[in-house]
PDB file of N, CA and C in Angstrom:
ATOM      1  N   MET A   1      91.868 106.579  84.014  1.00  0.00           N
ATOM      2  CA  MET A   1      92.005 106.353  84.643  1.00  0.00           C
ATOM      3  C   MET A   1      91.962 104.514  84.544  1.00  0.00           C
ATOM      4  N   ASN A   2      92.943 103.697  84.994  1.00  0.00           N
ATOM      5  CA  ASN A   2      92.434 101.709  84.892  1.00  0.00           C
ATOM      6  C   ASN A   2      93.338 101.346  85.797  1.00  0.00           C
ATOM      7  N   ALA A   3      93.614 102.014  86.268  1.00  0.00           N
ATOM      8  CA  ALA A   3      93.216 101.105  87.892  1.00  0.00           C
ATOM      9  C   ALA A   3      93.577 101.985  89.357  1.00  0.00           C
ATOM     10  N   SER A   4      92.532 101.162  90.291  1.00  0.00           N
ATOM     11  CA  SER A   4      92.974 101.819  91.282  1.00  0.00           C
ATOM     12  C   SER A   4      93.222 100.536  92.065  1.00  0.00           C
ATOM     13  N   VAL A   5      94.323 100.858  93.106  1.00  0.00           N
ATOM     14  CA  VAL A   5      94.718  99.741  94.646  1.00  0.00           C
ATOM     15  C   VAL A   5      94.236 100.994  95.792  1.00  0.00           C
ATOM     16  N   ALA A   6      94.171  99.524  96.448  1.00  0.00           N
ATOM     17  CA  ALA A   6      94.248  99.877  97.877  1.00  0.00           C
ATOM     18  C   ALA A   6      95.652  99.483  98.633  1.00  0.00           C
ATOM     19  N   ILE A   7      96.014  99.858  99.539  1.00  0.00           N
ATOM     20  CA  ILE A   7      97.074  99.111  99.600  1.00  0.00           C
ATOM     21  C   ILE A   7      96.807  99.270 101.527  1.00  0.00           C
ATOM     22  N   GLN A   8      97.691  98.193 102.512  1.00  0.00           N
ATOM     23  CA  GLN A   8      97.816  98.566 103.893  1.00  0.00           C
ATOM     24  C   GLN A   8      99.309  97.637 104.283  1.00  0.00           C
ATOM     25  N   VAL A   9     100.022  98.902 104.897  1.00  0.00           N
ATOM     26  CA  VAL A   9     101.689  98.589 105.322  1.00  0.00           C
ATOM     27  C   VAL A   9     101.506  98.014 106.741  1.00  0.00           C
ATOM     28  N   LEU A  10     101.924  96.942 106.759  1.00  0.00           N
ATOM     29  CA  LEU A  10     101.914  96.571 108.226  1.00  0.00           C
ATOM     30  C   LEU A  10     103.482  96.672 108.088  1.00  0.00           C
ATOM     31  N   PRO A  11     103.708  97.911 109.128  1.00  0.00           N
ATOM     32  CA  PRO A  11     105.784  97.405 109.771  1.00  0.00           C
ATOM     33  C   PRO A  11     105.854  96.966 110.757  1.00  0.00           C
ATOM     34  N   LYS A  12     106.844  95.993 111.028  1.00  0.00           N
ATOM     35  CA  LYS A  12     107.052  95.012 112.040  1.00  0.00           C
ATOM     36  C   LYS A  12     107.777  95.675 112.881  1.00  0.00           C
ATOM     37  N   VAL A  13     107.274  97.031 113.689  1.00  0.00           N
ATOM     38  CA  VAL A  13     108.211  97.246 114.825  1.00  0.00           C
ATOM     39  C   VAL A  13     107.762  96.953 116.031  1.00  0.00           C
ATOM     40  N   ASP A  14     107.744  97.621 116.938  1.00  0.00           N
ATOM     41  CA  ASP A  14     107.766  96.964 118.883  1.00  0.00           C
ATOM     42  C   ASP A  14     106.137  97.737 118.878  1.00  0.00           C
ATOM     43  N   THR A  15     105.829  99.177 119.165  1.00  0.00           N
ATOM     44  CA  THR A  15     105.629 100.151 119.193  1.00  0.00           C
ATOM     45  C   THR A  15     103.822 100.631 118.988  1.00  0.00           C
ATOM     46  N   ASP A  16     102.788 101.137 119.185  1.00  0.00           N
ATOM     47  CA  ASP A  16     102.067 101.423 117.761  1.00  0.00           C
ATOM     48  C   ASP A  16     102.452 102.988 117.659  1.00  0.00           C
ATOM     49  N   GLU A  17     103.268 103.817 118.285  1.00  0.00           N
ATOM     50  CA  GLU A  17     103.410 104.650 118.029  1.00  0.00           C
ATOM     51  C   GLU A  17     104.348 104.406 117.011  1.00  0.00           C
ATOM     52  N   LEU A  18     105.248 104.143 116.772  1.00  0.00           N
ATOM     53  CA  LEU A  18     106.145 103.944 115.850  1.00  0.00           C
ATOM     54  C   LEU A  18     105.387 103.747 114.858  1.00  0.00           C
ATOM     55  N   VAL A  19     104.439 102.399 114.847  1.00  0.00           N
ATOM     56  CA  VAL A  19     103.665 102.266 113.655  1.00  0.00           C
ATOM     57  C   VAL A  19     103.392 103.050 112.286  1.00  0.00           C
ATOM     58  N   CYS A  20     102.514 104.141 113.327  1.00  0.00           N
ATOM     59  CA  CYS A  20     101.502 105.141 112.721  1.00  0.00           C
ATOM     60  C   CYS A  20     102.605 105.980 112.670  1.00  0.00           C
ATOM     61  N   LYS A  21     103.645 106.097 113.366  1.00  0.00           N
ATOM     62  CA  LYS A  21     105.024 107.415 112.493  1.00  0.00           C
ATOM     63  C   LYS A  21     105.608 106.875 111.263  1.00  0.00           C
ATOM     64  N   ILE A  22     105.291 105.365 111.008  1.00  0.00           N
ATOM     65  CA  ILE A  22     106.127 104.626 109.486  1.00  0.00           C
ATOM     66  C   ILE A  22     105.046 104.871 108.547  1.00  0.00           C
ATOM     67  N   VAL A  23     103.473 104.329 108.839  1.00  0.00           N
ATOM     68  CA  VAL A  23     102.927 104.662 108.036  1.00  0.00           C
ATOM     69  C   VAL A  23     101.986 106.002 107.627  1.00  0.00           C
ATOM     70  N   ASP A  24     102.787 106.931 108.509  1.00  0.00           N
ATOM     71  CA  ASP A  24     101.694 108.384 108.174  1.00  0.00           C
ATOM     72  C   ASP A  24     103.000 109.317 107.436  1.00  0.00           C
ATOM     73  N   GLU A  25     104.151 108.579 106.972  1.00  0.00           N
ATOM     74  CA  GLU A  25     105.358 108.543 106.089  1.00  0.00           C
ATOM     75  C   GLU A  25     104.752 108.016 105.165  1.00  0.00           C
ATOM     76  N   VAL A  26     104.131 106.581 105.062  1.00  0.00           N
ATOM     77  CA  VAL A  26     104.203 105.918 103.415  1.00  0.00           C
ATOM     78  C   VAL A  26     102.383 106.913 103.647  1.00  0.00           C
ATOM     79  N   ILE A  27     101.747 107.531 103.837  1.00  0.00           N
ATOM     80  CA  ILE A  27     100.543 108.350 103.206  1.00  0.00           C
ATOM     81  C   ILE A  27     100.632 109.710 102.515  1.00  0.00           C
ATOM     82  N   GLU A  28     102.619 110.209 103.924  1.00  0.00           N
ATOM     83  CA  GLU A  28     102.286 111.520 103.398  1.00  0.00           C
ATOM     84  C   GLU A  28     103.451 111.270 101.686  1.00  0.00           C
ATOM     85  N   TYR A  29     103.356 109.891 101.815  1.00  0.00           N
ATOM     86  CA  TYR A  29     104.431 109.774 100.090  1.00  0.00           C
ATOM     87  C   TYR A  29     104.052 109.830  99.148  1.00  0.00           C
ATOM     88  N   ILE A  30     102.402 109.258  99.609  1.00  0.00           N
ATOM     89  CA  ILE A  30     100.928 108.683  98.679  1.00  0.00           C
ATOM     90  C   ILE A  30     100.859 110.140  98.343  1.00  0.00           C
ATOM     91  N   LYS A  31     100.525 110.420  99.505  1.00  0.00           N
ATOM     92  CA  LYS A  31      99.896 112.457  98.781  1.00  0.00           C
ATOM     93  C   LYS A  31     100.477 113.366  97.848  1.00  0.00           C
ATOM     94  N   SER A  32     101.851 112.919  97.645  1.00  0.00           N
ATOM     95  CA  SER A  32     103.162 113.599  97.486  1.00  0.00           C
ATOM     96  C   SER A  32     103.214 113.515  96.191  1.00  0.00           C
ATOM     97  N   THR A  33     102.053 112.225  95.545  1.00  0.00           N
ATOM     98  CA  THR A  33     102.155 111.577  94.022  1.00  0.00           C
ATOM     99  C   THR A  33     101.228 112.683  93.210  1.00  0.00           C
ATOM    100  N   GLY A  34     100.485 113.445  93.778  1.00  0.00           N
ATOM    101  CA  GLY A  34      99.326 113.794  93.415  1.00  0.00           C
ATOM    102  C   GLY A  34      98.465 113.074  92.815  1.00  0.00           C
ATOM    103  N   LEU A  35      98.023 112.065  93.178  1.00  0.00           N
ATOM    104  CA  LEU A  35      96.778 111.298  92.515  1.00  0.00           C
ATOM    105  C   LEU A  35      95.840 111.055  93.821  1.00  0.00           C
ATOM    106  N   SER A  36      94.867 110.707  92.734  1.00  0.00           N
ATOM    107  CA  SER A  36      93.384 110.797  93.693  1.00  0.00           C
ATOM    108  C   SER A  36      93.677 109.533  94.984  1.00  0.00           C
ATOM    109  N   TYR A  37      93.692 109.973  95.680  1.00  0.00           N
ATOM    110  CA  TYR A  37      93.415 108.918  96.554  1.00  0.00           C
ATOM    111  C   TYR A  37      91.937 109.519  98.814  1.00  0.00           C
ATOM    112  N   HIS A  38      92.583 108.081  99.176  1.00  0.00           N
ATOM    113  CA  HIS A  38      91.639 108.016  99.969  1.00  0.00           C
ATOM    114  C   HIS A  38      91.894 107.190 101.583  1.00  0.00           C
ATOM    115  N   VAL A  39      92.098 107.726 102.443  1.00  0.00           N
ATOM    116  CA  VAL A  39      92.587 107.168 103.978  1.00  0.00           C
ATOM    117  C   VAL A  39      91.839 106.288 104.151  1.00  0.00           C
ATOM    118  N   GLY A  40      92.005 105.692 105.124  1.00  0.00           N
ATOM    119  CA  GLY A  40      90.870 104.702 105.752  1.00  0.00           C
ATOM    120  C   GLY A  40      91.272 104.240 107.230  1.00  0.00           C
ATOM    121  N   PRO A  41      90.562 103.545 107.766  1.00  0.00           N
ATOM    122  CA  PRO A  41      91.760 102.869 108.862  1.00  0.00           C
ATOM    123  C   PRO A  41      92.229 102.236 108.726  1.00  0.00           C
ATOM    124  N   PHE A  42      91.933 101.688 107.795  1.00  0.00           N
ATOM    125  CA  PHE A  42      92.320  99.355 107.413  1.00  0.00           C
ATOM    126  C   PHE A  42      93.450  99.732 106.225  1.00  0.00           C
ATOM    127  N   GLU A  43      93.892 101.003 105.522  1.00  0.00           N
ATOM    128  CA  GLU A  43      94.176 101.167 104.238  1.00  0.00           C
ATOM    129  C   GLU A  43      93.511 102.043 103.528  1.00  0.00           C
ATOM    130  N   THR A  44      94.682 102.593 102.665  1.00  0.00           N
ATOM    131  CA  THR A  44      94.585 103.579 101.610  1.00  0.00           C
ATOM    132  C   THR A  44      94.286 102.952  99.903  1.00  0.00           C
ATOM    133  N   THR A  45      93.480 104.384  99.487  1.00  0.00           N
ATOM    134  CA  THR A  45      93.465 103.566  98.021  1.00  0.00           C
ATOM    135  C   THR A  45      93.380 104.386  97.306  1.00  0.00           C
ATOM    136  N   ILE A  46      94.357 104.723  96.183  1.00  0.00           N
ATOM    137  CA  ILE A  46      94.424 105.416  95.574  1.00  0.00           C
ATOM    138  C   ILE A  46      94.390 104.790  93.512  1.00  0.00           C
ATOM    139  N   GLU A  47      94.370 105.992  92.428  1.00  0.00           N
ATOM    140  CA  GLU A  47      93.491 105.570  91.483  1.00  0.00           C
ATOM    141  C   GLU A  47      94.448 106.507  90.975  1.00  0.00           C
ATOM    142  N   GLY A  48      94.475 105.517  89.196  1.00  0.00           N
ATOM    143  CA  GLY A  48      96.261 106.470  88.223  1.00  0.00           C
ATOM    144  C   GLY A  48      95.900 104.801  87.087  1.00  0.00           C
ATOM    145  N   GLU A  49      96.866 104.851  86.731  1.00  0.00           N
ATOM    146  CA  GLU A  49      97.615 104.210  85.471  1.00  0.00           C
ATOM    147  C   GLU A  49      98.135 103.314  86.166  1.00  0.00           C
ATOM    148  N   PHE A  50      98.072 102.033  86.087  1.00  0.00           N
ATOM    149  CA  PHE A  50      97.952 100.786  86.774  1.00  0.00           C
ATOM    150  C   PHE A  50     100.025 100.936  86.917  1.00  0.00           C
ATOM    151  N   GLU A  51     100.479 101.326  86.051  1.00  0.00           N
ATOM    152  CA  GLU A  51     102.003 100.863  85.820  1.00  0.00           C
ATOM    153  C   GLU A  51     102.623 102.499  87.033  1.00  0.00           C
ATOM    154  N   GLU A  52     102.103 103.186  87.260  1.00  0.00           N
ATOM    155  CA  GLU A  52     101.683 104.484  88.211  1.00  0.00           C
ATOM    156  C   GLU A  52     101.937 103.950  89.199  1.00  0.00           C
ATOM    157  N   LEU A  53     100.591 102.865  89.247  1.00  0.00           N
ATOM    158  CA  LEU A  53     100.282 102.665  90.749  1.00  0.00           C
ATOM    159  C   LEU A  53     101.614 101.230  91.198  1.00  0.00           C
ATOM    160  N   MET A  54     101.495 100.347  90.631  1.00  0.00           N
ATOM    161  CA  MET A  54     102.567 100.100  90.790  1.00  0.00           C
ATOM    162  C   MET A  54     104.140 100.059  90.839  1.00  0.00           C
ATOM    163  N   ASP A  55     104.317 101.317  90.878  1.00  0.00           N
ATOM    164  CA  ASP A  55     105.768 101.396  90.913  1.00  0.00           C
ATOM    165  C   ASP A  55     105.468 102.200  92.400  1.00  0.00           C
ATOM    166  N   ILE A  56     103.990 102.853  92.903  1.00  0.00           N
ATOM    167  CA  ILE A  56     103.962 103.531  94.072  1.00  0.00           C
ATOM    168  C   ILE A  56     103.797 102.227  95.121  1.00  0.00           C
ATOM    169  N   VAL A  57     103.383 101.233  94.430  1.00  0.00           N
ATOM    170  CA  VAL A  57     103.134 100.418  95.784  1.00  0.00           C
ATOM    171  C   VAL A  57     104.618 100.049  96.764  1.00  0.00           C
ATOM    172  N   LYS A  58     105.378  99.531  95.637  1.00  0.00           N
ATOM    173  CA  LYS A  58     107.087  99.174  95.141  1.00  0.00           C
ATOM    174  C   LYS A  58     107.522 100.686  96.641  1.00  0.00           C
ATOM    175  N   GLU A  59     107.016 101.633  96.310  1.00  0.00           N
ATOM    176  CA  GLU A  59     108.388 103.115  96.618  1.00  0.00           C
ATOM    177  C   GLU A  59     107.561 102.603  98.047  1.00  0.00           C
ATOM    178  N   CYS A  60     106.651 102.681  98.821  1.00  0.00           N
ATOM    179  CA  CYS A  60     105.715 102.519  99.851  1.00  0.00           C
ATOM    180  C   CYS A  60     106.256 101.382 100.830  1.00  0.00           C
ATOM    181  N   GLN A  61     106.508 100.331  99.888  1.00  0.00           N
ATOM    182  CA  GLN A  61     107.688  99.528 101.023  1.00  0.00           C
ATOM    183  C   GLN A  61     109.351  99.943 101.541  1.00  0.00           C
ATOM    184  N   TYR A  62     110.205 100.710 100.152  1.00  0.00           N
ATOM    185  CA  TYR A  62     111.028 100.744 100.265  1.00  0.00           C
ATOM    186  C   TYR A  62     111.351 102.278 101.744  1.00  0.00           C
ATOM    187  N   ILE A  63     109.708 102.937 101.721  1.00  0.00           N
ATOM    188  CA  ILE A  63     109.516 104.042 102.641  1.00  0.00           C
ATOM    189  C   ILE A  63     109.387 103.286 103.445  1.00  0.00           C
ATOM    190  N   ALA A  64     108.396 102.699 104.083  1.00  0.00           N
ATOM    191  CA  ALA A  64     108.563 102.013 105.253  1.00  0.00           C
ATOM    192  C   ALA A  64     109.752 101.323 106.181  1.00  0.00           C
ATOM    193  N   ILE A  65     110.472 101.451 105.422  1.00  0.00           N
ATOM    194  CA  ILE A  65     111.845 100.903 105.664  1.00  0.00           C
ATOM    195  C   ILE A  65     112.561 101.209 105.339  1.00  0.00           C
ATOM    196  N   LYS A  66     112.873 102.848 105.276  1.00  0.00           N
ATOM    197  CA  LYS A  66     114.003 103.550 105.293  1.00  0.00           C
ATOM    198  C   LYS A  66     113.125 104.775 106.423  1.00  0.00           C
ATOM    199  N   SER A  67     112.110 104.375 107.053  1.00  0.00           N
ATOM    200  CA  SER A  67     111.505 105.126 108.254  1.00  0.00           C
ATOM    201  C   SER A  67     112.222 104.241 109.479  1.00  0.00           C
ATOM    202  N   GLY A  68     112.465 102.552 109.157  1.00  0.00           N
ATOM    203  CA  GLY A  68     113.160 102.167 110.544  1.00  0.00           C
ATOM    204  C   GLY A  68     112.528 101.114 110.749  1.00  0.00           C
ATOM    205  N   CYS A  69     111.870 100.530 110.200  1.00  0.00           N
ATOM    206  CA  CYS A  69     111.428  98.784 109.975  1.00  0.00           C
ATOM    207  C   CYS A  69     111.983  98.136 109.706  1.00  0.00           C
ATOM    208  N   PRO A  70     112.796  97.133 109.657  1.00  0.00           N
ATOM    209  CA  PRO A  70     113.233  95.836 109.082  1.00  0.00           C
ATOM    210  C   PRO A  70     112.492  94.942 108.542  1.00  0.00           C
ATOM    211  N   SER A  71     111.704  94.996 109.188  1.00  0.00           N
ATOM    212  CA  SER A  71     110.912  94.230 108.196  1.00  0.00           C
ATOM    213  C   SER A  71     109.654  95.372 107.844  1.00  0.00           C
ATOM    214  N   VAL A  72     108.719  94.880 106.390  1.00  0.00           N
ATOM    215  CA  VAL A  72     106.981  95.594 106.277  1.00  0.00           C
ATOM    216  C   VAL A  72     106.608  94.483 105.568  1.00  0.00           C
ATOM    217  N   MET A  73     104.862  94.034 105.732  1.00  0.00           N
ATOM    218  CA  MET A  73     104.292  93.898 105.238  1.00  0.00           C
ATOM    219  C   MET A  73     103.186  93.913 104.197  1.00  0.00           C
ATOM    220  N   SER A  74     102.807  94.164 103.571  1.00  0.00           N
ATOM    221  CA  SER A  74     101.899  94.986 102.882  1.00  0.00           C
ATOM    222  C   SER A  74     101.121  94.072 102.210  1.00  0.00           C
ATOM    223  N   TYR A  75      99.691  94.430 102.413  1.00  0.00           N
ATOM    224  CA  TYR A  75      98.371  94.226 101.400  1.00  0.00           C
ATOM    225  C   TYR A  75      97.906  95.115 100.492  1.00  0.00           C
ATOM    226  N   VAL A  76      98.197  94.029  99.110  1.00  0.00           N
ATOM    227  CA  VAL A  76      97.369  94.875  98.051  1.00  0.00           C
ATOM    228  C   VAL A  76      96.029  94.907  97.567  1.00  0.00           C
ATOM    229  N   LYS A  77      94.830  95.295  97.001  1.00  0.00           N
ATOM    230  CA  LYS A  77      94.015  94.791  96.203  1.00  0.00           C
ATOM    231  C   LYS A  77      94.463  95.925  95.432  1.00  0.00           C
ATOM    232  N   ILE A  78      94.182  95.498  94.010  1.00  0.00           N
ATOM    233  CA  ILE A  78      94.236  96.246  92.919  1.00  0.00           C
ATOM    234  C   ILE A  78      92.787  95.776  92.210  1.00  0.00           C
ATOM    235  N   HIS A  79      92.896  96.679  91.361  1.00  0.00           N
ATOM    236  CA  HIS A  79      91.289  96.361  90.418  1.00  0.00           C
ATOM    237  C   HIS A  79      91.911  97.076  89.119  1.00  0.00           C
ATOM    238  N   PHE A  80      92.357  96.306  88.059  1.00  0.00           N
ATOM    239  CA  PHE A  80      93.028  96.770  86.858  1.00  0.00           C
ATOM    240  C   PHE A  80      92.382  96.802  85.234  1.00  0.00           C
ATOM    241  N   LYS A  81      91.734  97.450  84.735  1.00  0.00           N
ATOM    242  CA  LYS A  81      90.994  97.433  83.413  1.00  0.00           C
ATOM    243  C   LYS A  81      91.990  98.197  82.845  1.00  0.00           C
ATOM    244  N   PRO A  82      92.452  97.918  81.469  1.00  0.00           N
ATOM    245  CA  PRO A  82      93.239  97.856  80.426  1.00  0.00           C
ATOM    246  C   PRO A  82      92.235  99.364  79.692  1.00  0.00           C
ATOM    247  N   GLU A  83      91.343  99.201  79.750  1.00  0.00           N
ATOM    248  CA  GLU A  83      90.314 100.172  78.516  1.00  0.00           C
ATOM    249  C   GLU A  83      89.975 101.454  79.472  1.00  0.00           C
ATOM    250  N   GLY A  84      90.859 101.272  80.612  1.00  0.00           N
ATOM    251  CA  GLY A  84      89.830 102.785  81.339  1.00  0.00           C
ATOM    252  C   GLY A  84      88.696 102.194  82.064  1.00  0.00           C
ATOM    253  N   GLY A  85      88.019 102.871  83.263  1.00  0.00           N
ATOM    254  CA  GLY A  85      86.569 103.225  83.586  1.00  0.00           C
ATOM    255  C   GLY A  85      86.694 102.062  84.491  1.00  0.00           C
ATOM    256  N   VAL A  86      87.274 102.080  85.547  1.00  0.00           N
ATOM    257  CA  VAL A  86      87.253 101.190  86.774  1.00  0.00           C
ATOM    258  C   VAL A  86      86.489 102.178  87.369  1.00  0.00           C
ATOM    259  N   LEU A  87      85.808 102.079  88.802  1.00  0.00           N
ATOM    260  CA  LEU A  87      84.633 103.104  89.119  1.00  0.00           C
ATOM    261  C   LEU A  87      86.120 104.279  90.065  1.00  0.00           C
ATOM    262  N   THR A  88      85.382 105.074  89.944  1.00  0.00           N
ATOM    263  CA  THR A  88      86.183 106.107  91.079  1.00  0.00           C
ATOM    264  C   THR A  88      86.058 105.747  92.796  1.00  0.00           C
ATOM    265  N   ILE A  89      87.076 105.967  93.364  1.00  0.00           N
ATOM    266  CA  ILE A  89      86.546 106.326  94.909  1.00  0.00           C
ATOM    267  C   ILE A  89      85.078 107.232  95.010  1.00  0.00           C
ATOM    268  N   ASP A  90      84.985 108.584  94.581  1.00  0.00           N
ATOM    269  CA  ASP A  90      83.836 109.426  94.726  1.00  0.00           C
ATOM    270  C   ASP A  90      82.701 108.278  94.936  1.00  0.00           C
ATOM    271  N   GLN A  91      82.257 107.230  93.128  1.00  0.00           N
ATOM    272  CA  GLN A  91      81.505 106.649  92.970  1.00  0.00           C
ATOM    273  C   GLN A  91      81.240 105.434  93.631  1.00  0.00           C
ATOM    274  N   LYS A  92      81.877 105.076  94.031  1.00  0.00           N
ATOM    275  CA  LYS A  92      82.568 103.595  95.842  1.00  0.00           C
ATOM    276  C   LYS A  92      81.995 104.323  96.781  1.00  0.00           C
ATOM    277  N   VAL A  93      82.242 105.792  97.713  1.00  0.00           N
ATOM    278  CA  VAL A  93      81.542 106.504  99.106  1.00  0.00           C
ATOM    279  C   VAL A  93      81.799 107.083  99.044  1.00  0.00           C
ATOM    280  N   ALA A  94      80.791 108.124  97.838  1.00  0.00           N
ATOM    281  CA  ALA A  94      80.295 109.657  98.300  1.00  0.00           C
ATOM    282  C   ALA A  94      79.206 109.571  99.025  1.00  0.00           C
ATOM    283  N   LYS A  95      78.799 108.850  98.685  1.00  0.00           N
ATOM    284  CA  LYS A  95      77.108 109.101  98.959  1.00  0.00           C
ATOM    285  C   LYS A  95      76.975 108.194 100.339  1.00  0.00           C
ATOM    286  N   HIS A  96      78.165 107.701 100.687  1.00  0.00           N
ATOM    287  CA  HIS A  96      77.951 107.849 102.731  1.00  0.00           C
ATOM    288  C   HIS A  96      78.636 108.832 103.145  1.00  0.00           C
ATOM    289  N   TYR A  97      79.537 109.728 102.906  1.00  0.00           N
ATOM    290  CA  TYR A  97      79.535 110.831 103.803  1.00  0.00           C
ATOM    291  C   TYR A  97      78.548 112.166 103.403  1.00  0.00           C
ATOM    292  N   LYS A  98      77.601 112.131 103.006  1.00  0.00           N
ATOM    293  CA  LYS A  98      77.016 113.049 103.080  1.00  0.00           C
ATOM    294  C   LYS A  98      75.444 113.415 104.120  1.00  0.00           C
TER     295      LYS A  98
END
Protein backbone atom coordinates (compact mmCIF):
# COMPACT_ATOMS: atom_id res chain seq x y z
CA MET A 1 0.00 0.00 0.00
CA ASN A 2 1.47 3.31 -1.02
CA ALA A 3 -1.33 5.78 -0.36
CA SER A 4 -4.33 6.74 1.70
CA VAL A 5 -6.96 9.33 0.97
CA ALA A 6 -9.65 10.98 3.03
CA ILE A 7 -12.59 12.29 1.04
CA GLN A 8 -15.49 14.47 2.08
CA VAL A 9 -18.21 14.69 -0.56
CA LEU A 10 -20.55 17.68 -0.27
CA PRO A 11 -23.52 17.47 -2.64
CA LYS A 12 -25.08 20.86 -3.42
CA VAL A 13 -28.73 20.01 -2.72
CA ASP A 14 -31.56 21.61 -0.77
CA THR A 15 -32.18 19.21 2.13
CA ASP A 16 -30.13 17.36 4.72
CA GLU A 17 -32.06 14.20 3.85
CA LEU A 18 -30.91 14.41 0.25
CA VAL A 19 -27.33 15.15 1.33
CA CYS A 20 -27.35 11.98 3.48
CA LYS A 21 -28.91 9.89 0.68
CA ILE A 22 -26.25 10.93 -1.83
CA VAL A 23 -23.35 10.59 0.62
CA ASP A 24 -24.64 7.10 1.54
CA GLU A 25 -24.56 6.13 -2.14
CA VAL A 26 -20.96 7.35 -2.41
CA ILE A 27 -20.02 5.35 0.70
CA GLU A 28 -21.70 2.24 -0.74
CA TYR A 29 -19.51 2.62 -3.82
CA ILE A 30 -16.39 2.95 -1.65
CA LYS A 31 -17.40 -0.22 0.22
CA SER A 32 -17.85 -2.04 -3.09
CA THR A 33 -14.21 -1.43 -4.06
CA GLY A 34 -13.04 -4.01 -1.53
CA LEU A 35 -10.38 -1.67 -0.16
CA SER A 36 -9.87 -0.95 3.51
CA TYR A 37 -11.87 2.13 4.56
CA HIS A 38 -13.12 3.98 7.64
CA VAL A 39 -16.25 6.12 7.67
CA GLY A 40 -16.12 9.13 9.98
CA PRO A 41 -18.67 11.86 10.59
CA PHE A 42 -17.04 14.27 8.12
CA GLU A 43 -14.97 12.13 5.75
CA THR A 44 -14.18 8.60 4.66
CA THR A 45 -10.60 7.33 4.61
CA ILE A 46 -9.53 4.71 2.06
CA GLU A 47 -6.23 2.80 1.81
CA GLY A 48 -4.67 1.36 -1.34
CA GLU A 49 -2.52 2.08 -4.33
CA PHE A 50 -2.31 5.71 -5.46
CA GLU A 51 -3.65 5.28 -9.01
CA GLU A 52 -6.62 3.19 -7.86
CA LEU A 53 -7.45 5.70 -5.12
CA MET A 54 -7.38 8.58 -7.60
CA ASP A 55 -9.82 6.66 -9.81
CA ILE A 56 -12.09 6.15 -6.79
CA VAL A 57 -11.99 9.85 -5.92
CA LYS A 58 -12.97 10.66 -9.51
CA GLU A 59 -15.81 8.12 -9.50
CA CYS A 60 -17.19 9.49 -6.23
CA GLN A 61 -17.90 12.75 -8.06
CA TYR A 62 -19.81 10.99 -10.83
CA ILE A 63 -21.81 8.92 -8.36
CA ALA A 64 -22.93 12.06 -6.51
CA ILE A 65 -24.04 13.66 -9.78
CA LYS A 66 -25.82 10.48 -10.97
CA SER A 67 -27.58 10.35 -7.59
CA GLY A 68 -29.33 13.61 -8.22
CA CYS A 69 -27.21 16.61 -7.31
CA PRO A 70 -26.47 19.23 -9.95
CA SER A 71 -23.11 20.13 -8.35
CA VAL A 72 -20.73 18.52 -5.88
CA MET A 73 -17.75 19.78 -3.92
CA SER A 74 -15.19 17.41 -2.43
CA TYR A 75 -12.35 17.90 -0.04
CA VAL A 76 -9.58 15.33 -0.47
CA LYS A 77 -6.51 14.67 1.66
CA ILE A 78 -3.82 12.47 0.12
CA HIS A 79 -0.87 10.73 1.70
CA PHE A 80 1.30 9.26 -1.05
CA LYS A 81 4.56 7.44 -0.45
CA PRO A 82 5.67 5.77 -3.72
CA GLU A 83 7.92 3.24 -1.98
CA GLY A 84 5.02 2.16 0.27
CA GLY A 85 4.67 2.09 4.00
CA VAL A 86 2.07 4.74 4.76
CA LEU A 87 0.49 4.37 8.18
CA THR A 88 -2.66 2.25 8.09
CA ILE A 89 -6.06 3.27 9.42
CA ASP A 90 -5.62 0.76 12.26
CA GLN A 91 -2.23 2.15 13.19
CA LYS A 92 -3.74 5.62 13.41
CA VAL A 93 -7.02 4.99 15.24
CA ALA A 94 -7.42 1.45 16.61
CA LYS A 95 -6.06 2.44 20.03
CA HIS A 96 -8.92 4.93 20.41
CA TYR A 97 -11.61 2.25 20.02
CA LYS A 98 -10.45 -0.31 22.59
